[in-house]
Amino acid sequence: MNKEKKETNATETAKSRTSARKSAEKEPVMYVGPTVNGIGIQNRVYTEIPESAKELFQKAPELRNLFVPVLEYPASCRMLREHRGYIYSAFMRALDFKNGGR
């Protein structure tokens, strides 16, 4: 019985992780990068990532990190303010796009 219970709990945990990922994909995201034509407007909340930005992800996949769930906005701001972390790296890459560097 104990083994069956553990297997059931593991299955339920896996299902809840999958559903959490699906709901995270549907939740609003905030763009924390610089305002760049074709990517996004700084600090704007989107219900889904714009198609033009998705096309740019093929050239620069790190730009996807600039679209964060609204609840993660404070941590993203901290990274930008302290000039460190993956958000800051993506922000600098977006600035390259803004300044014409591809």
N, C-alpha and C. Protein backbone atom coordinates (compact mmCIF):
# COMPACT_ATOMS: atom_id res chain seq x y z
N MET A 1 0.81 -1.20 0.00
CA MET A 1 0.00 0.00 0.00
C MET A 1 0.85 1.26 0.00
N ASN A 2 1.89 1.24 0.78
CA ASN A 2 2.75 2.41 0.90
C ASN A 2 3.40 2.75 -0.44
N LYS A 3 3.79 1.72 -1.19
CA LYS A 3 4.41 1.94 -2.49
C LYS A 3 3.41 2.55 -3.46
N GLU A 4 2.16 2.09 -3.43
CA GLU A 4 1.13 2.63 -4.30
C GLU A 4 0.87 4.10 -3.98
N LYS A 5 0.89 4.42 -2.70
CA LYS A 5 0.65 5.79 -2.27
C LYS A 5 1.75 6.72 -2.79
N LYS A 6 3.00 6.28 -2.72
CA LYS A 6 4.12 7.08 -3.21
C LYS A 6 4.01 7.30 -4.71
N GLU A 7 3.63 6.24 -5.46
CA GLU A 7 3.48 6.37 -6.91
C GLU A 7 2.36 7.34 -7.25
N THR A 8 1.27 7.29 -6.52
CA THR A 8 0.15 8.19 -6.74
C THR A 8 0.57 9.63 -6.46
N ASN A 9 1.29 9.86 -5.37
CA ASN A 9 1.75 11.20 -5.04
C ASN A 9 2.71 11.73 -6.10
N ALA A 10 3.58 10.88 -6.62
CA ALA A 10 4.52 11.29 -7.66
C ALA A 10 3.78 11.67 -8.94
N THR A 11 2.75 10.90 -9.28
CA THR A 11 1.96 11.19 -10.46
C THR A 11 1.20 12.51 -10.30
N GLU A 12 0.62 12.72 -9.13
CA GLU A 12 -0.11 13.96 -8.87
C GLU A 12 0.82 15.17 -8.92
N THR A 13 2.02 15.01 -8.38
CA THR A 13 3.00 16.10 -8.41
C THR A 13 3.39 16.43 -9.84
N ALA A 14 3.61 15.42 -10.66
CA ALA A 14 3.98 15.64 -12.06
C ALA A 14 2.84 16.35 -12.80
N LYS A 15 1.60 15.95 -12.53
CA LYS A 15 0.45 16.59 -13.17
C LYS A 15 0.32 18.05 -12.74
N SER A 16 0.55 18.33 -11.47
CA SER A 16 0.42 19.70 -10.99
C SER A 16 1.52 20.59 -11.58
N ARG A 17 2.72 20.05 -11.78
CA ARG A 17 3.80 20.82 -12.41
C ARG A 17 3.45 21.15 -13.85
N THR A 18 2.89 20.17 -14.55
CA THR A 18 2.51 20.39 -15.94
C THR A 18 1.42 21.44 -16.04
N SER A 19 0.42 21.36 -15.17
CA SER A 19 -0.65 22.35 -15.21
C SER A 19 -0.15 23.73 -14.78
N ALA A 20 0.83 23.77 -13.88
CA ALA A 20 1.40 25.05 -13.47
C ALA A 20 2.13 25.70 -14.65
N ARG A 21 2.83 24.89 -15.45
CA ARG A 21 3.53 25.44 -16.62
C ARG A 21 2.53 25.97 -17.63
N LYS A 22 1.44 25.24 -17.85
CA LYS A 22 0.43 25.68 -18.81
C LYS A 22 -0.21 26.98 -18.35
N SER A 23 -0.51 27.09 -17.06
CA SER A 23 -1.12 28.32 -16.57
C SER A 23 -0.12 29.47 -16.61
N ALA A 24 1.17 29.17 -16.42
CA ALA A 24 2.19 30.21 -16.50
C ALA A 24 2.31 30.74 -17.92
N GLU A 25 2.08 29.87 -18.91
CA GLU A 25 2.13 30.32 -20.30
C GLU A 25 0.97 31.25 -20.62
N LYS A 26 -0.14 31.11 -19.93
CA LYS A 26 -1.32 31.91 -20.21
C LYS A 26 -1.40 33.16 -19.34
N GLU A 27 -0.58 33.26 -18.32
CA GLU A 27 -0.67 34.42 -17.44
C GLU A 27 -0.03 35.63 -18.11
N PRO A 28 -0.45 36.83 -17.73
CA PRO A 28 0.13 38.05 -18.31
C PRO A 28 1.61 38.16 -17.99
N VAL A 29 2.35 38.71 -18.93
CA VAL A 29 3.78 38.92 -18.74
C VAL A 29 4.10 40.40 -18.91
N MET A 30 5.14 40.83 -18.23
CA MET A 30 5.58 42.21 -18.32
C MET A 30 6.90 42.25 -19.07
N TYR A 31 7.02 43.19 -19.99
CA TYR A 31 8.26 43.37 -20.72
C TYR A 31 9.12 44.34 -19.92
N VAL A 32 10.30 43.90 -19.48
CA VAL A 32 11.16 44.72 -18.62
C VAL A 32 12.38 45.26 -19.37
N GLY A 33 12.42 45.07 -20.67
CA GLY A 33 13.54 45.58 -21.45
C GLY A 33 13.30 47.00 -21.92
N PRO A 34 14.25 47.55 -22.66
CA PRO A 34 14.09 48.91 -23.19
C PRO A 34 13.03 48.91 -24.31
N THR A 35 12.40 50.03 -24.54
CA THR A 35 11.43 50.13 -25.62
C THR A 35 12.15 50.00 -26.94
N VAL A 36 11.78 48.96 -27.70
CA VAL A 36 12.41 48.69 -28.99
C VAL A 36 11.30 48.31 -29.96
N ASN A 37 11.31 48.94 -31.13
CA ASN A 37 10.33 48.58 -32.16
C ASN A 37 10.49 47.10 -32.51
N GLY A 38 9.39 46.40 -32.54
CA GLY A 38 9.43 44.99 -32.88
C GLY A 38 9.61 44.06 -31.70
N ILE A 39 9.94 44.59 -30.54
CA ILE A 39 10.09 43.73 -29.36
C ILE A 39 9.00 44.07 -28.36
N GLY A 40 9.04 45.26 -27.79
CA GLY A 40 8.03 45.63 -26.80
C GLY A 40 8.26 47.02 -26.25
N ILE A 41 7.32 47.45 -25.43
CA ILE A 41 7.37 48.75 -24.75
C ILE A 41 7.72 48.49 -23.30
N GLN A 42 8.70 49.23 -22.80
CA GLN A 42 9.20 49.00 -21.44
C GLN A 42 8.08 49.08 -20.40
N ASN A 43 8.08 48.10 -19.49
CA ASN A 43 7.15 47.99 -18.36
C ASN A 43 5.69 47.86 -18.78
N ARG A 44 5.44 47.36 -19.97
CA ARG A 44 4.08 47.14 -20.43
C ARG A 44 3.70 45.68 -20.16
N VAL A 45 2.46 45.47 -19.76
CA VAL A 45 1.95 44.13 -19.51
C VAL A 45 1.25 43.62 -20.77
N TYR A 46 1.62 42.42 -21.18
CA TYR A 46 1.04 41.79 -22.37
C TYR A 46 0.30 40.52 -21.94
N THR A 47 -0.83 40.27 -22.58
CA THR A 47 -1.54 39.02 -22.31
C THR A 47 -0.81 37.86 -22.97
N GLU A 48 -0.12 38.14 -24.07
CA GLU A 48 0.74 37.15 -24.71
C GLU A 48 1.88 37.89 -25.39
N ILE A 49 2.96 37.20 -25.62
CA ILE A 49 4.15 37.82 -26.21
C ILE A 49 3.84 38.16 -27.67
N PRO A 50 4.16 39.38 -28.10
CA PRO A 50 3.88 39.78 -29.49
C PRO A 50 4.60 38.88 -30.50
N GLU A 51 3.95 38.66 -31.64
CA GLU A 51 4.50 37.79 -32.68
C GLU A 51 5.83 38.31 -33.21
N SER A 52 5.97 39.63 -33.34
CA SER A 52 7.22 40.19 -33.85
C SER A 52 8.38 39.89 -32.89
N ALA A 53 8.09 39.86 -31.60
CA ALA A 53 9.12 39.53 -30.61
C ALA A 53 9.48 38.05 -30.71
N LYS A 54 8.48 37.21 -30.92
CA LYS A 54 8.73 35.77 -31.04
C LYS A 54 9.64 35.46 -32.21
N GLU A 55 9.51 36.23 -33.30
CA GLU A 55 10.38 36.04 -34.46
C GLU A 55 11.82 36.38 -34.11
N LEU A 56 12.01 37.42 -33.30
CA LEU A 56 13.36 37.81 -32.91
C LEU A 56 14.02 36.81 -31.95
N PHE A 57 13.21 36.03 -31.26
CA PHE A 57 13.75 35.03 -30.34
C PHE A 57 14.61 34.00 -31.06
N GLN A 58 14.36 33.82 -32.36
CA GLN A 58 15.16 32.87 -33.13
C GLN A 58 16.58 33.40 -33.31
N LYS A 59 16.72 34.71 -33.46
CA LYS A 59 18.04 35.33 -33.61
C LYS A 59 18.72 35.52 -32.26
N ALA A 60 17.94 35.91 -31.27
CA ALA A 60 18.49 36.20 -29.94
C ALA A 60 17.56 35.62 -28.88
N PRO A 61 17.70 34.34 -28.53
CA PRO A 61 16.79 33.68 -27.59
C PRO A 61 16.80 34.30 -26.19
N GLU A 62 17.88 34.99 -25.81
CA GLU A 62 17.94 35.58 -24.48
C GLU A 62 16.92 36.72 -24.29
N LEU A 63 16.40 37.25 -25.39
CA LEU A 63 15.40 38.33 -25.28
C LEU A 63 14.11 37.82 -24.65
N ARG A 64 13.88 36.54 -24.71
CA ARG A 64 12.68 35.96 -24.09
C ARG A 64 12.68 36.18 -22.58
N ASN A 65 13.87 36.30 -22.00
CA ASN A 65 13.98 36.53 -20.56
C ASN A 65 13.43 37.89 -20.13
N LEU A 66 13.23 38.78 -21.08
CA LEU A 66 12.71 40.11 -20.75
C LEU A 66 11.20 40.11 -20.56
N PHE A 67 10.54 39.03 -20.92
CA PHE A 67 9.10 38.89 -20.68
C PHE A 67 8.93 38.04 -19.43
N VAL A 68 8.63 38.67 -18.32
CA VAL A 68 8.56 37.98 -17.03
C VAL A 68 7.14 38.01 -16.49
N PRO A 69 6.75 36.99 -15.72
CA PRO A 69 5.45 37.06 -15.05
C PRO A 69 5.42 38.29 -14.13
N VAL A 70 4.27 38.88 -14.00
CA VAL A 70 4.13 40.12 -13.23
C VAL A 70 4.64 39.94 -11.80
N LEU A 71 4.45 38.77 -11.22
CA LEU A 71 4.90 38.54 -9.85
C LEU A 71 6.42 38.54 -9.72
N GLU A 72 7.14 38.32 -10.82
CA GLU A 72 8.60 38.31 -10.79
C GLU A 72 9.19 39.68 -11.12
N TYR A 73 8.35 40.68 -11.31
CA TYR A 73 8.83 42.01 -11.66
C TYR A 73 9.80 42.60 -10.63
N PRO A 74 9.53 42.51 -9.33
CA PRO A 74 10.48 43.08 -8.36
C PRO A 74 11.89 42.48 -8.46
N ALA A 75 11.98 41.18 -8.65
CA ALA A 75 13.29 40.55 -8.78
C ALA A 75 13.98 41.01 -10.06
N SER A 76 13.22 41.19 -11.12
CA SER A 76 13.78 41.67 -12.38
C SER A 76 14.32 43.08 -12.23
N CYS A 77 13.56 43.93 -11.54
CA CYS A 77 14.02 45.31 -11.30
C CYS A 77 15.31 45.32 -10.50
N ARG A 78 15.41 44.44 -9.53
CA ARG A 78 16.60 44.37 -8.71
C ARG A 78 17.82 44.02 -9.57
N MET A 79 17.66 43.05 -10.48
CA MET A 79 18.76 42.67 -11.36
C MET A 79 19.19 43.84 -12.25
N LEU A 80 18.21 44.57 -12.76
CA LEU A 80 18.54 45.72 -13.61
C LEU A 80 19.23 46.82 -12.82
N ARG A 81 18.73 47.07 -11.62
CA ARG A 81 19.29 48.13 -10.78
C ARG A 81 20.73 47.81 -10.36
N GLU A 82 20.99 46.53 -10.10
CA GLU A 82 22.32 46.11 -9.63
C GLU A 82 23.25 45.72 -10.79
N HIS A 83 22.77 45.84 -12.03
CA HIS A 83 23.58 45.53 -13.21
C HIS A 83 24.17 44.13 -13.16
N ARG A 84 23.31 43.14 -12.86
CA ARG A 84 23.77 41.76 -12.80
C ARG A 84 22.62 40.82 -13.15
N GLY A 85 22.95 39.60 -13.47
CA GLY A 85 21.94 38.58 -13.71
C GLY A 85 21.54 38.45 -15.18
N TYR A 86 20.73 37.44 -15.41
CA TYR A 86 20.33 37.14 -16.78
C TYR A 86 19.40 38.19 -17.36
N ILE A 87 18.62 38.87 -16.51
CA ILE A 87 17.74 39.93 -17.00
C ILE A 87 18.59 41.10 -17.52
N TYR A 88 19.62 41.46 -16.79
CA TYR A 88 20.49 42.55 -17.21
C TYR A 88 21.20 42.21 -18.52
N SER A 89 21.66 40.97 -18.66
CA SER A 89 22.31 40.55 -19.90
C SER A 89 21.35 40.66 -21.08
N ALA A 90 20.12 40.22 -20.89
CA ALA A 90 19.11 40.31 -21.94
C ALA A 90 18.77 41.76 -22.25
N PHE A 91 18.73 42.60 -21.23
CA PHE A 91 18.45 44.03 -21.41
C PHE A 91 19.53 44.66 -22.30
N MET A 92 20.79 44.33 -22.04
CA MET A 92 21.89 44.88 -22.83
C MET A 92 21.83 44.38 -24.28
N ARG A 93 21.41 43.14 -24.45
CA ARG A 93 21.25 42.59 -25.81
C ARG A 93 20.13 43.33 -26.55
N ALA A 94 19.05 43.65 -25.86
CA ALA A 94 17.95 44.40 -26.46
C ALA A 94 18.41 45.81 -26.84
N LEU A 95 19.28 46.40 -26.04
CA LEU A 95 19.82 47.71 -26.39
C LEU A 95 20.63 47.64 -27.68
N ASP A 96 21.33 46.53 -27.89
CA ASP A 96 22.04 46.35 -29.15
C ASP A 96 21.07 46.39 -30.33
N PHE A 97 19.93 45.73 -30.18
CA PHE A 97 18.92 45.76 -31.22
C PHE A 97 18.39 47.17 -31.42
N LYS A 98 18.19 47.88 -30.34
CA LYS A 98 17.67 49.25 -30.43
C LYS A 98 18.64 50.17 -31.16
N ASN A 99 19.92 49.97 -30.93
CA ASN A 99 20.95 50.81 -31.54
C ASN A 99 21.38 50.33 -32.92
N GLY A 100 20.66 49.38 -33.47
CA GLY A 100 20.93 48.93 -34.83
C GLY A 100 21.84 47.74 -34.95
N GLY A 101 22.45 47.30 -33.88
CA GLY A 101 23.31 46.11 -33.91
C GLY A 101 22.47 44.86 -33.90
N ARG A 102 22.69 43.98 -34.81
CA ARG A 102 21.90 42.75 -34.86
C ARG A 102 22.81 41.64 -34.55
